[in-house]
Amino acid sequence: MSVREANENNYDEMVKEGFVIVDLYGENCNPCKMFSKVIDELSYDVDFVNVVKVNTTHNRDIAVRNNVAAVPTILFMKDGKVLERHLGFMSLDQVKEKIGQYLY
């Protein structure tokens, strides 16, 4: 699994092809920090899913474009289109269930 940090310059390119999980997070957000650990665990189990992390503190334009009112906001995207959005923390099992829902 590839976990990459996106910014204003590369976000559109990172989400335009394939299935991507987008983690829109804030620097001082405890649920965001907990979800980051879930992403780390996920990288051991699922090596074919790309994750794009967006720091909304530094990339407000991306947050506004994606209608982020609170963090963490997690987007499940395919070929640049949002399939589903989730507000708040997700467990490892919940994320795996969503991956299965969209990829299998």
PDB file of N, CA and C in Angstrom:
ATOM      1  N   MET A   1       0.847  -1.171   0.000  1.00  0.00           N
ATOM      2  CA  MET A   1       0.000   0.000   0.000  1.00  0.00           C
ATOM      3  C   MET A   1       0.886   1.224   0.000  1.00  0.00           C
ATOM      4  N   SER A   2       0.487   2.158  -0.780  1.00  0.00           N
ATOM      5  CA  SER A   2       1.211   3.415  -0.862  1.00  0.00           C
ATOM      6  C   SER A   2       0.465   4.480  -0.055  1.00  0.00           C
ATOM      7  N   VAL A   3       1.143   5.079   0.928  1.00  0.00           N
ATOM      8  CA  VAL A   3       0.577   6.190   1.694  1.00  0.00           C
ATOM      9  C   VAL A   3       1.393   7.414   1.330  1.00  0.00           C
ATOM     10  N   ARG A   4       0.713   8.388   0.723  1.00  0.00           N
ATOM     11  CA  ARG A   4       1.412   9.590   0.276  1.00  0.00           C
ATOM     12  C   ARG A   4       0.711  10.830   0.801  1.00  0.00           C
ATOM     13  N   GLU A   5       1.494  11.859   1.045  1.00  0.00           N
ATOM     14  CA  GLU A   5       0.968  13.143   1.509  1.00  0.00           C
ATOM     15  C   GLU A   5       0.697  14.013   0.290  1.00  0.00           C
ATOM     16  N   ALA A   6      -0.508  14.552   0.230  1.00  0.00           N
ATOM     17  CA  ALA A   6      -0.893  15.401  -0.904  1.00  0.00           C
ATOM     18  C   ALA A   6      -0.900  16.867  -0.494  1.00  0.00           C
ATOM     19  N   ASN A   7      -0.755  17.719  -1.513  1.00  0.00           N
ATOM     20  CA  ASN A   7      -0.876  19.165  -1.316  1.00  0.00           C
ATOM     21  C   ASN A   7      -1.607  19.742  -2.524  1.00  0.00           C
ATOM     22  N   GLU A   8      -1.715  21.049  -2.543  1.00  0.00           N
ATOM     23  CA  GLU A   8      -2.445  21.722  -3.624  1.00  0.00           C
ATOM     24  C   GLU A   8      -1.890  21.384  -5.007  1.00  0.00           C
ATOM     25  N   ASN A   9      -0.595  21.127  -5.089  1.00  0.00           N
ATOM     26  CA  ASN A   9       0.050  20.897  -6.379  1.00  0.00           C
ATOM     27  C   ASN A   9      -0.137  19.493  -6.936  1.00  0.00           C
ATOM     28  N   ASN A  10      -0.356  18.495  -6.059  1.00  0.00           N
ATOM     29  CA  ASN A  10      -0.392  17.123  -6.561  1.00  0.00           C
ATOM     30  C   ASN A  10      -1.669  16.344  -6.238  1.00  0.00           C
ATOM     31  N   TYR A  11      -2.591  16.923  -5.502  1.00  0.00           N
ATOM     32  CA  TYR A  11      -3.789  16.207  -5.066  1.00  0.00           C
ATOM     33  C   TYR A  11      -4.588  15.615  -6.235  1.00  0.00           C
ATOM     34  N   ASP A  12      -4.920  16.432  -7.212  1.00  0.00           N
ATOM     35  CA  ASP A  12      -5.748  15.958  -8.330  1.00  0.00           C
ATOM     36  C   ASP A  12      -5.091  14.792  -9.061  1.00  0.00           C
ATOM     37  N   GLU A  13      -3.801  14.856  -9.233  1.00  0.00           N
ATOM     38  CA  GLU A  13      -3.066  13.784  -9.899  1.00  0.00           C
ATOM     39  C   GLU A  13      -3.100  12.490  -9.078  1.00  0.00           C
ATOM     40  N   MET A  14      -3.036  12.616  -7.763  1.00  0.00           N
ATOM     41  CA  MET A  14      -2.995  11.449  -6.885  1.00  0.00           C
ATOM     42  C   MET A  14      -4.322  10.698  -6.803  1.00  0.00           C
ATOM     43  N   VAL A  15      -5.419  11.388  -7.037  1.00  0.00           N
ATOM     44  CA  VAL A  15      -6.731  10.741  -6.877  1.00  0.00           C
ATOM     45  C   VAL A  15      -7.430  10.452  -8.202  1.00  0.00           C
ATOM     46  N   LYS A  16      -6.788  10.764  -9.318  1.00  0.00           N
ATOM     47  CA  LYS A  16      -7.503  10.684 -10.592  1.00  0.00           C
ATOM     48  C   LYS A  16      -7.690   9.272 -11.136  1.00  0.00           C
ATOM     49  N   GLU A  17      -6.861   8.305 -10.707  1.00  0.00           N
ATOM     50  CA  GLU A  17      -6.956   6.953 -11.255  1.00  0.00           C
ATOM     51  C   GLU A  17      -7.008   5.912 -10.155  1.00  0.00           C
ATOM     52  N   GLY A  18      -7.858   4.918 -10.350  1.00  0.00           N
ATOM     53  CA  GLY A  18      -7.924   3.786  -9.439  1.00  0.00           C
ATOM     54  C   GLY A  18      -8.682   4.081  -8.165  1.00  0.00           C
ATOM     55  N   PHE A  19      -8.645   3.110  -7.249  1.00  0.00           N
ATOM     56  CA  PHE A  19      -9.300   3.229  -5.948  1.00  0.00           C
ATOM     57  C   PHE A  19      -8.336   3.859  -4.965  1.00  0.00           C
ATOM     58  N   VAL A  20      -8.786   4.917  -4.286  1.00  0.00           N
ATOM     59  CA  VAL A  20      -7.943   5.672  -3.365  1.00  0.00           C
ATOM     60  C   VAL A  20      -8.745   5.995  -2.111  1.00  0.00           C
ATOM     61  N   ILE A  21      -8.107   5.843  -0.966  1.00  0.00           N
ATOM     62  CA  ILE A  21      -8.683   6.320   0.289  1.00  0.00           C
ATOM     63  C   ILE A  21      -8.012   7.652   0.593  1.00  0.00           C
ATOM     64  N   VAL A  22      -8.814   8.696   0.801  1.00  0.00           N
ATOM     65  CA  VAL A  22      -8.287  10.021   1.116  1.00  0.00           C
ATOM     66  C   VAL A  22      -8.570  10.312   2.589  1.00  0.00           C
ATOM     67  N   ASP A  23      -7.522  10.576   3.336  1.00  0.00           N
ATOM     68  CA  ASP A  23      -7.616  10.899   4.760  1.00  0.00           C
ATOM     69  C   ASP A  23      -7.376  12.396   4.910  1.00  0.00           C
ATOM     70  N   LEU A  24      -8.458  13.134   5.122  1.00  0.00           N
ATOM     71  CA  LEU A  24      -8.369  14.576   5.345  1.00  0.00           C
ATOM     72  C   LEU A  24      -8.310  14.778   6.862  1.00  0.00           C
ATOM     73  N   TYR A  25      -7.190  15.273   7.353  1.00  0.00           N
ATOM     74  CA  TYR A  25      -6.957  15.323   8.787  1.00  0.00           C
ATOM     75  C   TYR A  25      -6.465  16.699   9.226  1.00  0.00           C
ATOM     76  N   GLY A  26      -6.535  16.920  10.531  1.00  0.00           N
ATOM     77  CA  GLY A  26      -6.016  18.136  11.135  1.00  0.00           C
ATOM     78  C   GLY A  26      -4.837  17.806  12.034  1.00  0.00           C
ATOM     79  N   GLU A  27      -3.937  18.734  12.192  1.00  0.00           N
ATOM     80  CA  GLU A  27      -2.716  18.496  12.957  1.00  0.00           C
ATOM     81  C   GLU A  27      -2.968  18.212  14.433  1.00  0.00           C
ATOM     82  N   ASN A  28      -3.948  18.866  15.019  1.00  0.00           N
ATOM     83  CA  ASN A  28      -4.176  18.752  16.458  1.00  0.00           C
ATOM     84  C   ASN A  28      -5.418  17.928  16.785  1.00  0.00           C
ATOM     85  N   CYS A  29      -5.764  17.019  15.927  1.00  0.00           N
ATOM     86  CA  CYS A  29      -6.990  16.230  16.051  1.00  0.00           C
ATOM     87  C   CYS A  29      -6.652  14.837  16.568  1.00  0.00           C
ATOM     88  N   ASN A  30      -7.114  14.496  17.761  1.00  0.00           N
ATOM     89  CA  ASN A  30      -6.807  13.174  18.326  1.00  0.00           C
ATOM     90  C   ASN A  30      -7.441  12.026  17.542  1.00  0.00           C
ATOM     91  N   PRO A  31      -8.712  12.114  17.117  1.00  0.00           N
ATOM     92  CA  PRO A  31      -9.254  11.039  16.284  1.00  0.00           C
ATOM     93  C   PRO A  31      -8.461  10.873  14.974  1.00  0.00           C
ATOM     94  N   CYS A  32      -7.921  11.964  14.449  1.00  0.00           N
ATOM     95  CA  CYS A  32      -7.091  11.895  13.237  1.00  0.00           C
ATOM     96  C   CYS A  32      -5.817  11.109  13.509  1.00  0.00           C
ATOM     97  N   LYS A  33      -5.215  11.344  14.656  1.00  0.00           N
ATOM     98  CA  LYS A  33      -3.998  10.624  15.029  1.00  0.00           C
ATOM     99  C   LYS A  33      -4.290   9.138  15.201  1.00  0.00           C
ATOM    100  N   MET A  34      -5.445   8.822  15.783  1.00  0.00           N
ATOM    101  CA  MET A  34      -5.844   7.416  15.944  1.00  0.00           C
ATOM    102  C   MET A  34      -6.068   6.768  14.585  1.00  0.00           C
ATOM    103  N   PHE A  35      -6.694   7.505  13.653  1.00  0.00           N
ATOM    104  CA  PHE A  35      -6.931   6.932  12.332  1.00  0.00           C
ATOM    105  C   PHE A  35      -5.625   6.747  11.569  1.00  0.00           C
ATOM    106  N   SER A  36      -4.662   7.602  11.804  1.00  0.00           N
ATOM    107  CA  SER A  36      -3.349   7.448  11.168  1.00  0.00           C
ATOM    108  C   SER A  36      -2.713   6.110  11.561  1.00  0.00           C
ATOM    109  N   LYS A  37      -2.922   5.692  12.807  1.00  0.00           N
ATOM    110  CA  LYS A  37      -2.418   4.391  13.254  1.00  0.00           C
ATOM    111  C   LYS A  37      -3.143   3.257  12.533  1.00  0.00           C
ATOM    112  N   VAL A  38      -4.437   3.438  12.271  1.00  0.00           N
ATOM    113  CA  VAL A  38      -5.207   2.438  11.517  1.00  0.00           C
ATOM    114  C   VAL A  38      -4.623   2.306  10.110  1.00  0.00           C
ATOM    115  N   ILE A  39      -4.291   3.432   9.495  1.00  0.00           N
ATOM    116  CA  ILE A  39      -3.695   3.413   8.150  1.00  0.00           C
ATOM    117  C   ILE A  39      -2.366   2.666   8.179  1.00  0.00           C
ATOM    118  N   ASP A  40      -1.589   2.888   9.228  1.00  0.00           N
ATOM    119  CA  ASP A  40      -0.314   2.175   9.360  1.00  0.00           C
ATOM    120  C   ASP A  40      -0.540   0.666   9.448  1.00  0.00           C
ATOM    121  N   GLU A  41      -1.528   0.250  10.248  1.00  0.00           N
ATOM    122  CA  GLU A  41      -1.855  -1.173  10.362  1.00  0.00           C
ATOM    123  C   GLU A  41      -2.350  -1.723   9.029  1.00  0.00           C
ATOM    124  N   LEU A  42      -3.152  -0.946   8.346  1.00  0.00           N
ATOM    125  CA  LEU A  42      -3.721  -1.361   7.071  1.00  0.00           C
ATOM    126  C   LEU A  42      -2.625  -1.635   6.047  1.00  0.00           C
ATOM    127  N   SER A  43      -1.550  -0.866   6.110  1.00  0.00           N
ATOM    128  CA  SER A  43      -0.469  -1.019   5.134  1.00  0.00           C
ATOM    129  C   SER A  43       0.180  -2.401   5.211  1.00  0.00           C
ATOM    130  N   TYR A  44       0.084  -3.054   6.366  1.00  0.00           N
ATOM    131  CA  TYR A  44       0.635  -4.412   6.500  1.00  0.00           C
ATOM    132  C   TYR A  44      -0.290  -5.460   5.882  1.00  0.00           C
ATOM    133  N   ASP A  45      -1.596  -5.193   5.927  1.00  0.00           N
ATOM    134  CA  ASP A  45      -2.587  -6.175   5.479  1.00  0.00           C
ATOM    135  C   ASP A  45      -3.007  -6.020   4.024  1.00  0.00           C
ATOM    136  N   VAL A  46      -3.080  -4.794   3.567  1.00  0.00           N
ATOM    137  CA  VAL A  46      -3.630  -4.512   2.235  1.00  0.00           C
ATOM    138  C   VAL A  46      -2.620  -3.673   1.476  1.00  0.00           C
ATOM    139  N   ASP A  47      -1.823  -4.323   0.624  1.00  0.00           N
ATOM    140  CA  ASP A  47      -0.734  -3.609  -0.030  1.00  0.00           C
ATOM    141  C   ASP A  47      -1.096  -3.067  -1.406  1.00  0.00           C
ATOM    142  N   PHE A  48      -2.344  -3.218  -1.827  1.00  0.00           N
ATOM    143  CA  PHE A  48      -2.745  -2.797  -3.166  1.00  0.00           C
ATOM    144  C   PHE A  48      -3.661  -1.572  -3.162  1.00  0.00           C
ATOM    145  N   VAL A  49      -3.887  -0.975  -2.005  1.00  0.00           N
ATOM    146  CA  VAL A  49      -4.751   0.203  -1.910  1.00  0.00           C
ATOM    147  C   VAL A  49      -3.883   1.422  -1.660  1.00  0.00           C
ATOM    148  N   ASN A  50      -4.148   2.482  -2.396  1.00  0.00           N
ATOM    149  CA  ASN A  50      -3.426   3.730  -2.205  1.00  0.00           C
ATOM    150  C   ASN A  50      -4.173   4.619  -1.216  1.00  0.00           C
ATOM    151  N   VAL A  51      -3.404   5.250  -0.336  1.00  0.00           N
ATOM    152  CA  VAL A  51      -3.964   6.194   0.632  1.00  0.00           C
ATOM    153  C   VAL A  51      -3.300   7.538   0.402  1.00  0.00           C
ATOM    154  N   VAL A  52      -4.130   8.567   0.324  1.00  0.00           N
ATOM    155  CA  VAL A  52      -3.646   9.935   0.172  1.00  0.00           C
ATOM    156  C   VAL A  52      -4.045  10.699   1.427  1.00  0.00           C
ATOM    157  N   LYS A  53      -3.066  11.249   2.117  1.00  0.00           N
ATOM    158  CA  LYS A  53      -3.318  12.028   3.320  1.00  0.00           C
ATOM    159  C   LYS A  53      -3.247  13.510   2.972  1.00  0.00           C
ATOM    160  N   VAL A  54      -4.207  14.274   3.491  1.00  0.00           N
ATOM    161  CA  VAL A  54      -4.239  15.711   3.240  1.00  0.00           C
ATOM    162  C   VAL A  54      -4.346  16.439   4.578  1.00  0.00           C
ATOM    163  N   ASN A  55      -3.343  17.226   4.894  1.00  0.00           N
ATOM    164  CA  ASN A  55      -3.356  18.056   6.084  1.00  0.00           C
ATOM    165  C   ASN A  55      -4.223  19.281   5.777  1.00  0.00           C
ATOM    166  N   THR A  56      -5.413  19.316   6.377  1.00  0.00           N
ATOM    167  CA  THR A  56      -6.353  20.396   6.064  1.00  0.00           C
ATOM    168  C   THR A  56      -5.919  21.739   6.650  1.00  0.00           C
ATOM    169  N   THR A  57      -5.030  21.705   7.625  1.00  0.00           N
ATOM    170  CA  THR A  57      -4.513  22.950   8.190  1.00  0.00           C
ATOM    171  C   THR A  57      -3.690  23.697   7.153  1.00  0.00           C
ATOM    172  N   HIS A  58      -2.929  22.948   6.365  1.00  0.00           N
ATOM    173  CA  HIS A  58      -2.047  23.554   5.366  1.00  0.00           C
ATOM    174  C   HIS A  58      -2.643  23.567   3.958  1.00  0.00           C
ATOM    175  N   ASN A  59      -3.706  22.826   3.745  1.00  0.00           N
ATOM    176  CA  ASN A  59      -4.311  22.707   2.406  1.00  0.00           C
ATOM    177  C   ASN A  59      -5.808  22.986   2.468  1.00  0.00           C
ATOM    178  N   ARG A  60      -6.129  24.186   2.875  1.00  0.00           N
ATOM    179  CA  ARG A  60      -7.537  24.567   3.065  1.00  0.00           C
ATOM    180  C   ARG A  60      -8.346  24.487   1.769  1.00  0.00           C
ATOM    181  N   ASP A  61      -7.738  24.789   0.638  1.00  0.00           N
ATOM    182  CA  ASP A  61      -8.463  24.736  -0.630  1.00  0.00           C
ATOM    183  C   ASP A  61      -8.958  23.325  -0.934  1.00  0.00           C
ATOM    184  N   ILE A  62      -8.146  22.314  -0.635  1.00  0.00           N
ATOM    185  CA  ILE A  62      -8.574  20.935  -0.848  1.00  0.00           C
ATOM    186  C   ILE A  62      -9.722  20.604   0.094  1.00  0.00           C
ATOM    187  N   ALA A  63      -9.630  21.054   1.329  1.00  0.00           N
ATOM    188  CA  ALA A  63     -10.700  20.820   2.298  1.00  0.00           C
ATOM    189  C   ALA A  63     -12.002  21.469   1.837  1.00  0.00           C
ATOM    190  N   VAL A  64     -11.925  22.686   1.357  1.00  0.00           N
ATOM    191  CA  VAL A  64     -13.119  23.391   0.882  1.00  0.00           C
ATOM    192  C   VAL A  64     -13.716  22.684  -0.331  1.00  0.00           C
ATOM    193  N   ARG A  65     -12.884  22.281  -1.269  1.00  0.00           N
ATOM    194  CA  ARG A  65     -13.355  21.567  -2.471  1.00  0.00           C
ATOM    195  C   ARG A  65     -14.079  20.276  -2.123  1.00  0.00           C
ATOM    196  N   ASN A  66     -13.652  19.647  -1.030  1.00  0.00           N
ATOM    197  CA  ASN A  66     -14.245  18.381  -0.623  1.00  0.00           C
ATOM    198  C   ASN A  66     -15.293  18.545   0.483  1.00  0.00           C
ATOM    199  N   ASN A  67     -15.723  19.772   0.711  1.00  0.00           N
ATOM    200  CA  ASN A  67     -16.777  20.067   1.694  1.00  0.00           C
ATOM    201  C   ASN A  67     -16.471  19.496   3.075  1.00  0.00           C
ATOM    202  N   VAL A  68     -15.249  19.679   3.523  1.00  0.00           N
ATOM    203  CA  VAL A  68     -14.843  19.171   4.832  1.00  0.00           C
ATOM    204  C   VAL A  68     -15.240  20.185   5.896  1.00  0.00           C
ATOM    205  N   ALA A  69     -16.154  19.762   6.775  1.00  0.00           N
ATOM    206  CA  ALA A  69     -16.592  20.619   7.869  1.00  0.00           C
ATOM    207  C   ALA A  69     -15.929  20.215   9.181  1.00  0.00           C
ATOM    208  N   ALA A  70     -15.473  18.957   9.256  1.00  0.00           N
ATOM    209  CA  ALA A  70     -14.817  18.450  10.454  1.00  0.00           C
ATOM    210  C   ALA A  70     -13.834  17.359  10.033  1.00  0.00           C
ATOM    211  N   VAL A  71     -12.882  17.072  10.914  1.00  0.00           N
ATOM    212  CA  VAL A  71     -11.896  16.040  10.620  1.00  0.00           C
ATOM    213  C   VAL A  71     -11.914  14.994  11.723  1.00  0.00           C
ATOM    214  N   PRO A  72     -11.519  13.785  11.436  1.00  0.00           N
ATOM    215  CA  PRO A  72     -11.123  13.315  10.116  1.00  0.00           C
ATOM    216  C   PRO A  72     -12.323  13.103   9.199  1.00  0.00           C
ATOM    217  N   THR A  73     -12.122  13.433   7.943  1.00  0.00           N
ATOM    218  CA  THR A  73     -13.062  13.078   6.888  1.00  0.00           C
ATOM    219  C   THR A  73     -12.329  12.100   5.986  1.00  0.00           C
ATOM    220  N   ILE A  74     -12.956  10.966   5.754  1.00  0.00           N
ATOM    221  CA  ILE A  74     -12.333   9.911   4.958  1.00  0.00           C
ATOM    222  C   ILE A  74     -13.150   9.720   3.688  1.00  0.00           C
ATOM    223  N   LEU A  75     -12.488   9.851   2.552  1.00  0.00           N
ATOM    224  CA  LEU A  75     -13.147   9.678   1.266  1.00  0.00           C
ATOM    225  C   LEU A  75     -12.693   8.373   0.638  1.00  0.00           C
ATOM    226  N   PHE A  76     -13.648   7.643   0.096  1.00  0.00           N
ATOM    227  CA  PHE A  76     -13.352   6.456  -0.694  1.00  0.00           C
ATOM    228  C   PHE A  76     -13.631   6.862  -2.133  1.00  0.00           C
ATOM    229  N   MET A  77     -12.585   6.880  -2.962  1.00  0.00           N
ATOM    230  CA  MET A  77     -12.693   7.420  -4.314  1.00  0.00           C
ATOM    231  C   MET A  77     -12.290   6.384  -5.356  1.00  0.00           C
ATOM    232  N   LYS A  78     -12.878   6.520  -6.517  1.00  0.00           N
ATOM    233  CA  LYS A  78     -12.489   5.686  -7.661  1.00  0.00           C
ATOM    234  C   LYS A  78     -12.434   6.591  -8.871  1.00  0.00           C
ATOM    235  N   ASP A  79     -11.289   6.599  -9.522  1.00  0.00           N
ATOM    236  CA  ASP A  79     -11.084   7.399 -10.733  1.00  0.00           C
ATOM    237  C   ASP A  79     -11.506   8.857 -10.552  1.00  0.00           C
ATOM    238  N   GLY A  80     -11.132   9.435  -9.420  1.00  0.00           N
ATOM    239  CA  GLY A  80     -11.375  10.851  -9.162  1.00  0.00           C
ATOM    240  C   GLY A  80     -12.762  11.198  -8.660  1.00  0.00           C
ATOM    241  N   LYS A  81     -13.645  10.223  -8.512  1.00  0.00           N
ATOM    242  CA  LYS A  81     -15.010  10.481  -8.040  1.00  0.00           C
ATOM    243  C   LYS A  81     -15.196   9.899  -6.642  1.00  0.00           C
ATOM    244  N   VAL A  82     -15.876  10.655  -5.791  1.00  0.00           N
ATOM    245  CA  VAL A  82     -16.130  10.206  -4.430  1.00  0.00           C
ATOM    246  C   VAL A  82     -17.248   9.166  -4.447  1.00  0.00           C
ATOM    247  N   LEU A  83     -16.928   7.965  -3.981  1.00  0.00           N
ATOM    248  CA  LEU A  83     -17.925   6.906  -3.860  1.00  0.00           C
ATOM    249  C   LEU A  83     -18.670   7.033  -2.533  1.00  0.00           C
ATOM    250  N   GLU A  84     -17.905   7.388  -1.503  1.00  0.00           N
ATOM    251  CA  GLU A  84     -18.485   7.498  -0.164  1.00  0.00           C
ATOM    252  C   GLU A  84     -17.602   8.384   0.690  1.00  0.00           C
ATOM    253  N   ARG A  85     -18.229   9.056   1.644  1.00  0.00           N
ATOM    254  CA  ARG A  85     -17.475   9.861   2.604  1.00  0.00           C
ATOM    255  C   ARG A  85     -17.867   9.419   3.997  1.00  0.00           C
ATOM    256  N   HIS A  86     -16.905   9.457   4.896  1.00  0.00           N
ATOM    257  CA  HIS A  86     -17.137   9.082   6.284  1.00  0.00           C
ATOM    258  C   HIS A  86     -16.554  10.173   7.160  1.00  0.00           C
ATOM    259  N   LEU A  87     -17.325  10.623   8.119  1.00  0.00           N
ATOM    260  CA  LEU A  87     -16.875  11.650   9.051  1.00  0.00           C
ATOM    261  C   LEU A  87     -16.561  10.987  10.380  1.00  0.00           C
ATOM    262  N   GLY A  88     -15.343  11.176  10.856  1.00  0.00           N
ATOM    263  CA  GLY A  88     -14.944  10.624  12.148  1.00  0.00           C
ATOM    264  C   GLY A  88     -14.053   9.407  11.993  1.00  0.00           C
ATOM    265  N   PHE A  89     -13.637   8.890  13.131  1.00  0.00           N
ATOM    266  CA  PHE A  89     -12.723   7.762  13.198  1.00  0.00           C
ATOM    267  C   PHE A  89     -13.360   6.508  12.606  1.00  0.00           C
ATOM    268  N   MET A  90     -12.542   5.691  11.953  1.00  0.00           N
ATOM    269  CA  MET A  90     -12.952   4.375  11.474  1.00  0.00           C
ATOM    270  C   MET A  90     -11.963   3.347  11.994  1.00  0.00           C
ATOM    271  N   SER A  91     -12.478   2.191  12.400  1.00  0.00           N
ATOM    272  CA  SER A  91     -11.603   1.114  12.852  1.00  0.00           C
ATOM    273  C   SER A  91     -10.999   0.404  11.642  1.00  0.00           C
ATOM    274  N   LEU A  92      -9.997  -0.410  11.893  1.00  0.00           N
ATOM    275  CA  LEU A  92      -9.359  -1.183  10.835  1.00  0.00           C
ATOM    276  C   LEU A  92     -10.383  -2.079  10.143  1.00  0.00           C
ATOM    277  N   ASP A  93     -11.226  -2.737  10.921  1.00  0.00           N
ATOM    278  CA  ASP A  93     -12.245  -3.615  10.341  1.00  0.00           C
ATOM    279  C   ASP A  93     -13.236  -2.845   9.469  1.00  0.00           C
ATOM    280  N   GLN A  94     -13.612  -1.654   9.894  1.00  0.00           N
ATOM    281  CA  GLN A  94     -14.533  -0.833   9.098  1.00  0.00           C
ATOM    282  C   GLN A  94     -13.901  -0.445   7.761  1.00  0.00           C
ATOM    283  N   VAL A  95     -12.628  -0.072   7.780  1.00  0.00           N
ATOM    284  CA  VAL A  95     -11.950   0.313   6.544  1.00  0.00           C
ATOM    285  C   VAL A  95     -11.831  -0.890   5.613  1.00  0.00           C
ATOM    286  N   LYS A  96     -11.457  -2.032   6.167  1.00  0.00           N
ATOM    287  CA  LYS A  96     -11.352  -3.245   5.351  1.00  0.00           C
ATOM    288  C   LYS A  96     -12.701  -3.615   4.743  1.00  0.00           C
ATOM    289  N   GLU A  97     -13.771  -3.431   5.501  1.00  0.00           N
ATOM    290  CA  GLU A  97     -15.113  -3.721   4.979  1.00  0.00           C
ATOM    291  C   GLU A  97     -15.431  -2.818   3.786  1.00  0.00           C
ATOM    292  N   LYS A  98     -15.084  -1.553   3.887  1.00  0.00           N
ATOM    293  CA  LYS A  98     -15.332  -0.623   2.771  1.00  0.00           C
ATOM    294  C   LYS A  98     -14.490  -0.991   1.561  1.00  0.00           C
ATOM    295  N   ILE A  99     -13.235  -1.366   1.789  1.00  0.00           N
ATOM    296  CA  ILE A  99     -12.378  -1.778   0.667  1.00  0.00           C
ATOM    297  C   ILE A  99     -13.014  -2.976  -0.023  1.00  0.00           C
ATOM    298  N   GLY A 100     -13.453  -3.942   0.759  1.00  0.00           N
ATOM    299  CA  GLY A 100     -14.107  -5.124   0.191  1.00  0.00           C
ATOM    300  C   GLY A 100     -15.361  -4.789  -0.567  1.00  0.00           C
ATOM    301  N   GLN A 101     -16.112  -3.845  -0.052  1.00  0.00           N
ATOM    302  CA  GLN A 101     -17.363  -3.422  -0.690  1.00  0.00           C
ATOM    303  C   GLN A 101     -17.112  -2.840  -2.085  1.00  0.00           C
ATOM    304  N   TYR A 102     -16.037  -2.084  -2.225  1.00  0.00           N
ATOM    305  CA  TYR A 102     -15.785  -1.394  -3.485  1.00  0.00           C
ATOM    306  C   TYR A 102     -14.856  -2.140  -4.440  1.00  0.00           C
ATOM    307  N   LEU A 103     -14.061  -3.067  -3.930  1.00  0.00           N
ATOM    308  CA  LEU A 103     -13.090  -3.724  -4.792  1.00  0.00           C
ATOM    309  C   LEU A 103     -13.425  -5.187  -5.108  1.00  0.00           C
ATOM    310  N   TYR A 104     -14.361  -5.767  -4.381  1.00  0.00           N
ATOM    311  CA  TYR A 104     -14.654  -7.174  -4.625  1.00  0.00           C
ATOM    312  C   TYR A 104     -16.106  -7.391  -4.988  1.00  0.00           C
TER     313      TYR A 104
END
